[in-house]
Amino acid sequence: ADATASILVVEVETRAVRALVGSGGLDRQGGWIDMTTALRSPGSALKPFIYAFAFDDGVAAPDTQMQDVATRFNDYQPEDFDRVFRGAVTAREALSHSLNVPAVALMERIGPASFLARMESAGVTLHLPAAKTHAPGLALALGGEGVTLRDMAVLYCALGDEGIAKPLAWTEADAARRKR
């Protein structure tokens, strides 16, 4: 088993970290690395936030019709994981099936720079790959950046707390201050 794994359990109400496993064990190569702090591609894990921002901006709503068809965005042509396009779908269906083309289309509408700024305002840093251009691109929609599991926990806790992003609480005193 050469797999790496990490687990972070956070109580949404207080953001208290209740459990953390940083690696598969010290007996494994690299087992001393806390993978909750490592930069990893989020894959499709940021898609709910793309849709949320698009809904907030009035660009789309859950029942908005979207096209999941072969689409070229300048020099970028995303495909779905199963390489099957579904045609006309609602935004709700596109998100629930994690379709790539509709997510990239919404990222184009809200703008990658705006998306990055909103992540930063939530206290989350998305690390872009070194490139000749400094402008963020549409690949942000499909995991073309690095983010830590700790930052993903901040974002997903916000989904369970009316969209309010707060830092994680690492001590009981911090958690107690955040009780509602």
C-alpha atoms as a PDB file:
ATOM      1  CA  ALA A   1       0.000   0.000   0.000  1.00  0.00           C
ATOM      2  CA  ASP A   2       1.867   3.045  -1.291  1.00  0.00           C
ATOM      3  CA  ALA A   3      -1.119   5.345  -0.862  1.00  0.00           C
ATOM      4  CA  THR A   4      -1.010   8.505   1.176  1.00  0.00           C
ATOM      5  CA  ALA A   5      -3.959   9.572   3.277  1.00  0.00           C
ATOM      6  CA  SER A   6      -4.917  12.259   5.724  1.00  0.00           C
ATOM      7  CA  ILE A   7      -8.058  12.966   7.702  1.00  0.00           C
ATOM      8  CA  LEU A   8      -9.343  16.169   9.227  1.00  0.00           C
ATOM      9  CA  VAL A   9     -12.555  16.178  11.282  1.00  0.00           C
ATOM     10  CA  VAL A  10     -13.973  19.614  12.080  1.00  0.00           C
ATOM     11  CA  GLU A  11     -17.064  20.595  14.085  1.00  0.00           C
ATOM     12  CA  VAL A  12     -18.923  23.081  11.882  1.00  0.00           C
ATOM     13  CA  GLU A  13     -20.454  25.221  14.650  1.00  0.00           C
ATOM     14  CA  THR A  14     -17.172  26.129  16.375  1.00  0.00           C
ATOM     15  CA  ARG A  15     -14.678  25.080  13.677  1.00  0.00           C
ATOM     16  CA  ALA A  16     -13.004  22.980  16.373  1.00  0.00           C
ATOM     17  CA  VAL A  17     -10.604  20.426  14.946  1.00  0.00           C
ATOM     18  CA  ARG A  18     -11.749  17.210  16.600  1.00  0.00           C
ATOM     19  CA  ALA A  19      -9.388  14.780  14.855  1.00  0.00           C
ATOM     20  CA  LEU A  20      -6.387  14.971  12.556  1.00  0.00           C
ATOM     21  CA  VAL A  21      -4.420  12.174  10.944  1.00  0.00           C
ATOM     22  CA  GLY A  22      -1.638  13.655   8.866  1.00  0.00           C
ATOM     23  CA  SER A  23      -0.324  10.519   7.165  1.00  0.00           C
ATOM     24  CA  GLY A  24      -0.646   6.777   6.805  1.00  0.00           C
ATOM     25  CA  GLY A  25       2.028   6.220   9.447  1.00  0.00           C
ATOM     26  CA  LEU A  26       5.614   6.985  10.334  1.00  0.00           C
ATOM     27  CA  ASP A  27       6.706   3.574   9.036  1.00  0.00           C
ATOM     28  CA  ARG A  28       5.912   4.650   5.447  1.00  0.00           C
ATOM     29  CA  GLN A  29       8.100   6.680   3.129  1.00  0.00           C
ATOM     30  CA  GLY A  30       7.192  10.345   3.726  1.00  0.00           C
ATOM     31  CA  GLY A  31       5.030   9.342   6.689  1.00  0.00           C
ATOM     32  CA  TRP A  32       6.422  12.234   8.740  1.00  0.00           C
ATOM     33  CA  ILE A  33       4.798  14.741   6.359  1.00  0.00           C
ATOM     34  CA  ASP A  34       1.494  16.181   7.588  1.00  0.00           C
ATOM     35  CA  MET A  35      -0.576  15.847   4.427  1.00  0.00           C
ATOM     36  CA  THR A  36      -3.252  18.196   5.826  1.00  0.00           C
ATOM     37  CA  THR A  37      -0.750  20.996   5.118  1.00  0.00           C
ATOM     38  CA  ALA A  38       0.431  19.693   1.740  1.00  0.00           C
ATOM     39  CA  LEU A  39      -0.665  21.365  -1.477  1.00  0.00           C
ATOM     40  CA  ARG A  40      -2.825  19.012  -3.509  1.00  0.00           C
ATOM     41  CA  SER A  41      -5.096  19.425  -6.512  1.00  0.00           C
ATOM     42  CA  PRO A  42      -8.688  19.744  -5.305  1.00  0.00           C
ATOM     43  CA  GLY A  43     -10.000  18.136  -8.501  1.00  0.00           C
ATOM     44  CA  SER A  44     -13.715  18.885  -8.583  1.00  0.00           C
ATOM     45  CA  ALA A  45     -13.983  19.817  -4.897  1.00  0.00           C
ATOM     46  CA  LEU A  46     -14.210  23.566  -5.667  1.00  0.00           C
ATOM     47  CA  LYS A  47     -17.160  23.188  -8.072  1.00  0.00           C
ATOM     48  CA  PRO A  48     -19.805  23.899  -5.380  1.00  0.00           C
ATOM     49  CA  PHE A  49     -18.158  27.281  -4.808  1.00  0.00           C
ATOM     50  CA  ILE A  50     -18.146  28.118  -8.525  1.00  0.00           C
ATOM     51  CA  TYR A  51     -21.894  27.475  -8.624  1.00  0.00           C
ATOM     52  CA  ALA A  52     -22.477  29.386  -5.376  1.00  0.00           C
ATOM     53  CA  PHE A  53     -20.656  32.451  -6.724  1.00  0.00           C
ATOM     54  CA  ALA A  54     -22.524  32.199 -10.035  1.00  0.00           C
ATOM     55  CA  PHE A  55     -25.826  32.035  -8.131  1.00  0.00           C
ATOM     56  CA  ASP A  56     -24.810  34.988  -5.928  1.00  0.00           C
ATOM     57  CA  ASP A  57     -23.873  37.001  -9.021  1.00  0.00           C
ATOM     58  CA  GLY A  58     -27.149  36.205 -10.789  1.00  0.00           C
ATOM     59  CA  VAL A  59     -25.245  34.466 -13.597  1.00  0.00           C
ATOM     60  CA  ALA A  60     -27.137  31.215 -13.012  1.00  0.00           C
ATOM     61  CA  ALA A  61     -29.743  29.598 -10.792  1.00  0.00           C
ATOM     62  CA  PRO A  62     -30.312  25.928  -9.966  1.00  0.00           C
ATOM     63  CA  ASP A  63     -32.768  25.527 -12.872  1.00  0.00           C
ATOM     64  CA  THR A  64     -30.701  27.458 -15.440  1.00  0.00           C
ATOM     65  CA  GLN A  65     -30.267  25.405 -18.612  1.00  0.00           C
ATOM     66  CA  MET A  66     -26.636  24.752 -19.497  1.00  0.00           C
ATOM     67  CA  GLN A  67     -24.911  22.816 -22.244  1.00  0.00           C
ATOM     68  CA  ASP A  68     -22.637  19.884 -21.509  1.00  0.00           C
ATOM     69  CA  VAL A  69     -21.211  19.511 -25.007  1.00  0.00           C
ATOM     70  CA  ALA A  70     -17.724  19.555 -26.473  1.00  0.00           C
ATOM     71  CA  THR A  71     -16.660  23.173 -26.002  1.00  0.00           C
ATOM     72  CA  ARG A  72     -13.414  25.003 -26.602  1.00  0.00           C
ATOM     73  CA  PHE A  73     -12.573  27.926 -24.323  1.00  0.00           C
ATOM     74  CA  ASN A  74      -9.758  29.551 -26.309  1.00  0.00           C
ATOM     75  CA  ASP A  75      -7.055  26.864 -26.088  1.00  0.00           C
ATOM     76  CA  TYR A  76      -8.744  24.891 -23.288  1.00  0.00           C
ATOM     77  CA  GLN A  77     -11.145  22.021 -24.046  1.00  0.00           C
ATOM     78  CA  PRO A  78     -12.330  20.201 -20.923  1.00  0.00           C
ATOM     79  CA  GLU A  79     -13.982  16.793 -20.980  1.00  0.00           C
ATOM     80  CA  ASP A  80     -16.006  14.953 -18.376  1.00  0.00           C
ATOM     81  CA  PHE A  81     -14.341  12.165 -16.412  1.00  0.00           C
ATOM     82  CA  ASP A  82     -16.344   9.499 -18.277  1.00  0.00           C
ATOM     83  CA  ARG A  83     -15.791  11.271 -21.630  1.00  0.00           C
ATOM     84  CA  VAL A  84     -19.564  11.355 -22.228  1.00  0.00           C
ATOM     85  CA  PHE A  85     -21.366  14.654 -22.824  1.00  0.00           C
ATOM     86  CA  ARG A  86     -24.970  14.937 -21.655  1.00  0.00           C
ATOM     87  CA  GLY A  87     -26.279  17.840 -23.733  1.00  0.00           C
ATOM     88  CA  ALA A  88     -28.786  20.191 -22.099  1.00  0.00           C
ATOM     89  CA  VAL A  89     -28.754  19.990 -18.292  1.00  0.00           C
ATOM     90  CA  THR A  90     -29.768  22.268 -15.451  1.00  0.00           C
ATOM     91  CA  ALA A  91     -27.111  23.828 -13.246  1.00  0.00           C
ATOM     92  CA  ARG A  92     -28.389  21.584 -10.435  1.00  0.00           C
ATOM     93  CA  GLU A  93     -27.837  18.472 -12.584  1.00  0.00           C
ATOM     94  CA  ALA A  94     -24.460  19.692 -13.801  1.00  0.00           C
ATOM     95  CA  LEU A  95     -23.223  20.162 -10.232  1.00  0.00           C
ATOM     96  CA  SER A  96     -24.717  16.940  -8.889  1.00  0.00           C
ATOM     97  CA  HIS A  97     -23.038  14.975 -11.717  1.00  0.00           C
ATOM     98  CA  SER A  98     -19.817  17.027 -11.425  1.00  0.00           C
ATOM     99  CA  LEU A  99     -19.862  17.910 -15.127  1.00  0.00           C
ATOM    100  CA  ASN A 100     -16.767  19.780 -16.249  1.00  0.00           C
ATOM    101  CA  VAL A 101     -17.888  21.874 -19.228  1.00  0.00           C
ATOM    102  CA  PRO A 102     -20.728  23.658 -17.347  1.00  0.00           C
ATOM    103  CA  ALA A 103     -18.375  24.351 -14.411  1.00  0.00           C
ATOM    104  CA  VAL A 104     -15.755  25.841 -16.721  1.00  0.00           C
ATOM    105  CA  ALA A 105     -18.445  27.888 -18.497  1.00  0.00           C
ATOM    106  CA  LEU A 106     -19.550  29.345 -15.152  1.00  0.00           C
ATOM    107  CA  MET A 107     -15.928  29.992 -14.161  1.00  0.00           C
ATOM    108  CA  GLU A 108     -15.567  31.950 -17.408  1.00  0.00           C
ATOM    109  CA  ARG A 109     -18.665  33.996 -16.529  1.00  0.00           C
ATOM    110  CA  ILE A 110     -17.644  34.814 -12.934  1.00  0.00           C
ATOM    111  CA  GLY A 111     -13.963  35.168 -13.871  1.00  0.00           C
ATOM    112  CA  PRO A 112     -10.978  33.255 -12.494  1.00  0.00           C
ATOM    113  CA  ALA A 113      -9.512  36.395 -10.896  1.00  0.00           C
ATOM    114  CA  SER A 114     -12.797  37.078  -9.104  1.00  0.00           C
ATOM    115  CA  PHE A 115     -12.931  33.455  -7.972  1.00  0.00           C
ATOM    116  CA  LEU A 116      -9.403  33.694  -6.544  1.00  0.00           C
ATOM    117  CA  ALA A 117     -10.225  36.973  -4.783  1.00  0.00           C
ATOM    118  CA  ARG A 118     -13.312  35.428  -3.180  1.00  0.00           C
ATOM    119  CA  MET A 119     -11.285  32.461  -1.974  1.00  0.00           C
ATOM    120  CA  GLU A 120      -8.714  34.836  -0.485  1.00  0.00           C
ATOM    121  CA  SER A 121     -11.457  36.841   1.245  1.00  0.00           C
ATOM    122  CA  ALA A 122     -12.522  33.570   2.885  1.00  0.00           C
ATOM    123  CA  GLY A 123      -8.964  33.148   4.152  1.00  0.00           C
ATOM    124  CA  VAL A 124      -8.107  30.420   1.628  1.00  0.00           C
ATOM    125  CA  THR A 125      -5.102  30.588  -0.679  1.00  0.00           C
ATOM    126  CA  LEU A 126      -5.175  28.757  -3.976  1.00  0.00           C
ATOM    127  CA  HIS A 127      -1.632  28.169  -5.214  1.00  0.00           C
ATOM    128  CA  LEU A 128      -1.301  28.530  -8.968  1.00  0.00           C
ATOM    129  CA  PRO A 129       1.330  26.591 -10.901  1.00  0.00           C
ATOM    130  CA  ALA A 130       4.324  28.574 -12.063  1.00  0.00           C
ATOM    131  CA  ALA A 131       3.571  29.755 -15.577  1.00  0.00           C
ATOM    132  CA  LYS A 132       4.669  32.346 -18.076  1.00  0.00           C
ATOM    133  CA  THR A 133       1.449  34.222 -17.440  1.00  0.00           C
ATOM    134  CA  HIS A 134       0.388  35.374 -14.012  1.00  0.00           C
ATOM    135  CA  ALA A 135      -3.317  35.534 -14.812  1.00  0.00           C
ATOM    136  CA  PRO A 136      -5.385  32.688 -13.347  1.00  0.00           C
ATOM    137  CA  GLY A 137      -7.072  30.541 -15.963  1.00  0.00           C
ATOM    138  CA  LEU A 138     -10.208  28.479 -16.371  1.00  0.00           C
ATOM    139  CA  ALA A 139      -8.398  25.327 -15.212  1.00  0.00           C
ATOM    140  CA  LEU A 140      -9.111  26.582 -11.678  1.00  0.00           C
ATOM    141  CA  ALA A 141     -12.561  25.041 -12.143  1.00  0.00           C
ATOM    142  CA  LEU A 142     -11.136  21.538 -12.448  1.00  0.00           C
ATOM    143  CA  GLY A 143      -8.317  21.517  -9.923  1.00  0.00           C
ATOM    144  CA  GLY A 144      -5.575  23.345 -11.791  1.00  0.00           C
ATOM    145  CA  GLU A 145      -4.213  24.759  -8.531  1.00  0.00           C
ATOM    146  CA  GLY A 146      -2.947  23.555  -5.179  1.00  0.00           C
ATOM    147  CA  VAL A 147      -4.831  23.853  -1.914  1.00  0.00           C
ATOM    148  CA  THR A 148      -4.411  22.300   1.531  1.00  0.00           C
ATOM    149  CA  LEU A 149      -6.903  20.002   3.214  1.00  0.00           C
ATOM    150  CA  ARG A 150      -7.051  22.546   6.049  1.00  0.00           C
ATOM    151  CA  ASP A 151      -8.198  25.258   3.622  1.00  0.00           C
ATOM    152  CA  MET A 152     -10.728  22.870   2.070  1.00  0.00           C
ATOM    153  CA  ALA A 153     -12.105  22.259   5.574  1.00  0.00           C
ATOM    154  CA  VAL A 154     -12.546  26.026   6.036  1.00  0.00           C
ATOM    155  CA  LEU A 155     -14.511  26.184   2.779  1.00  0.00           C
ATOM    156  CA  TYR A 156     -16.692  23.159   3.394  1.00  0.00           C
ATOM    157  CA  CYS A 157     -17.513  24.271   6.946  1.00  0.00           C
ATOM    158  CA  ALA A 158     -18.748  27.529   5.402  1.00  0.00           C
ATOM    159  CA  LEU A 159     -21.186  25.511   3.287  1.00  0.00           C
ATOM    160  CA  GLY A 160     -22.679  24.189   6.520  1.00  0.00           C
ATOM    161  CA  ASP A 161     -22.749  27.637   8.150  1.00  0.00           C
ATOM    162  CA  GLU A 162     -24.704  29.921   5.806  1.00  0.00           C
ATOM    163  CA  GLY A 163     -21.609  30.648   3.705  1.00  0.00           C
ATOM    164  CA  ILE A 164     -19.590  32.148   6.543  1.00  0.00           C
ATOM    165  CA  ALA A 165     -15.912  31.195   6.379  1.00  0.00           C
ATOM    166  CA  LYS A 166     -13.993  31.137   9.652  1.00  0.00           C
ATOM    167  CA  PRO A 167     -10.532  29.857  10.565  1.00  0.00           C
ATOM    168  CA  LEU A 168     -10.213  26.463  12.180  1.00  0.00           C
ATOM    169  CA  ALA A 169     -10.071  26.364  15.986  1.00  0.00           C
ATOM    170  CA  TRP A 170      -7.047  24.414  17.180  1.00  0.00           C
ATOM    171  CA  THR A 171      -7.638  24.797  20.934  1.00  0.00           C
ATOM    172  CA  GLU A 172     -10.686  24.301  23.146  1.00  0.00           C
ATOM    173  CA  ALA A 173     -10.423  27.971  24.192  1.00  0.00           C
ATOM    174  CA  ASP A 174     -10.714  29.087  20.537  1.00  0.00           C
ATOM    175  CA  ALA A 175     -13.645  26.749  20.009  1.00  0.00           C
ATOM    176  CA  ALA A 176     -15.414  27.975  23.167  1.00  0.00           C
ATOM    177  CA  ARG A 177     -15.170  31.598  21.974  1.00  0.00           C
ATOM    178  CA  ARG A 178     -16.992  30.628  18.785  1.00  0.00           C
ATOM    179  CA  LYS A 179     -20.010  28.983  20.393  1.00  0.00           C
ATOM    180  CA  ARG A 180     -23.198  30.644  19.195  1.00  0.00           C
END
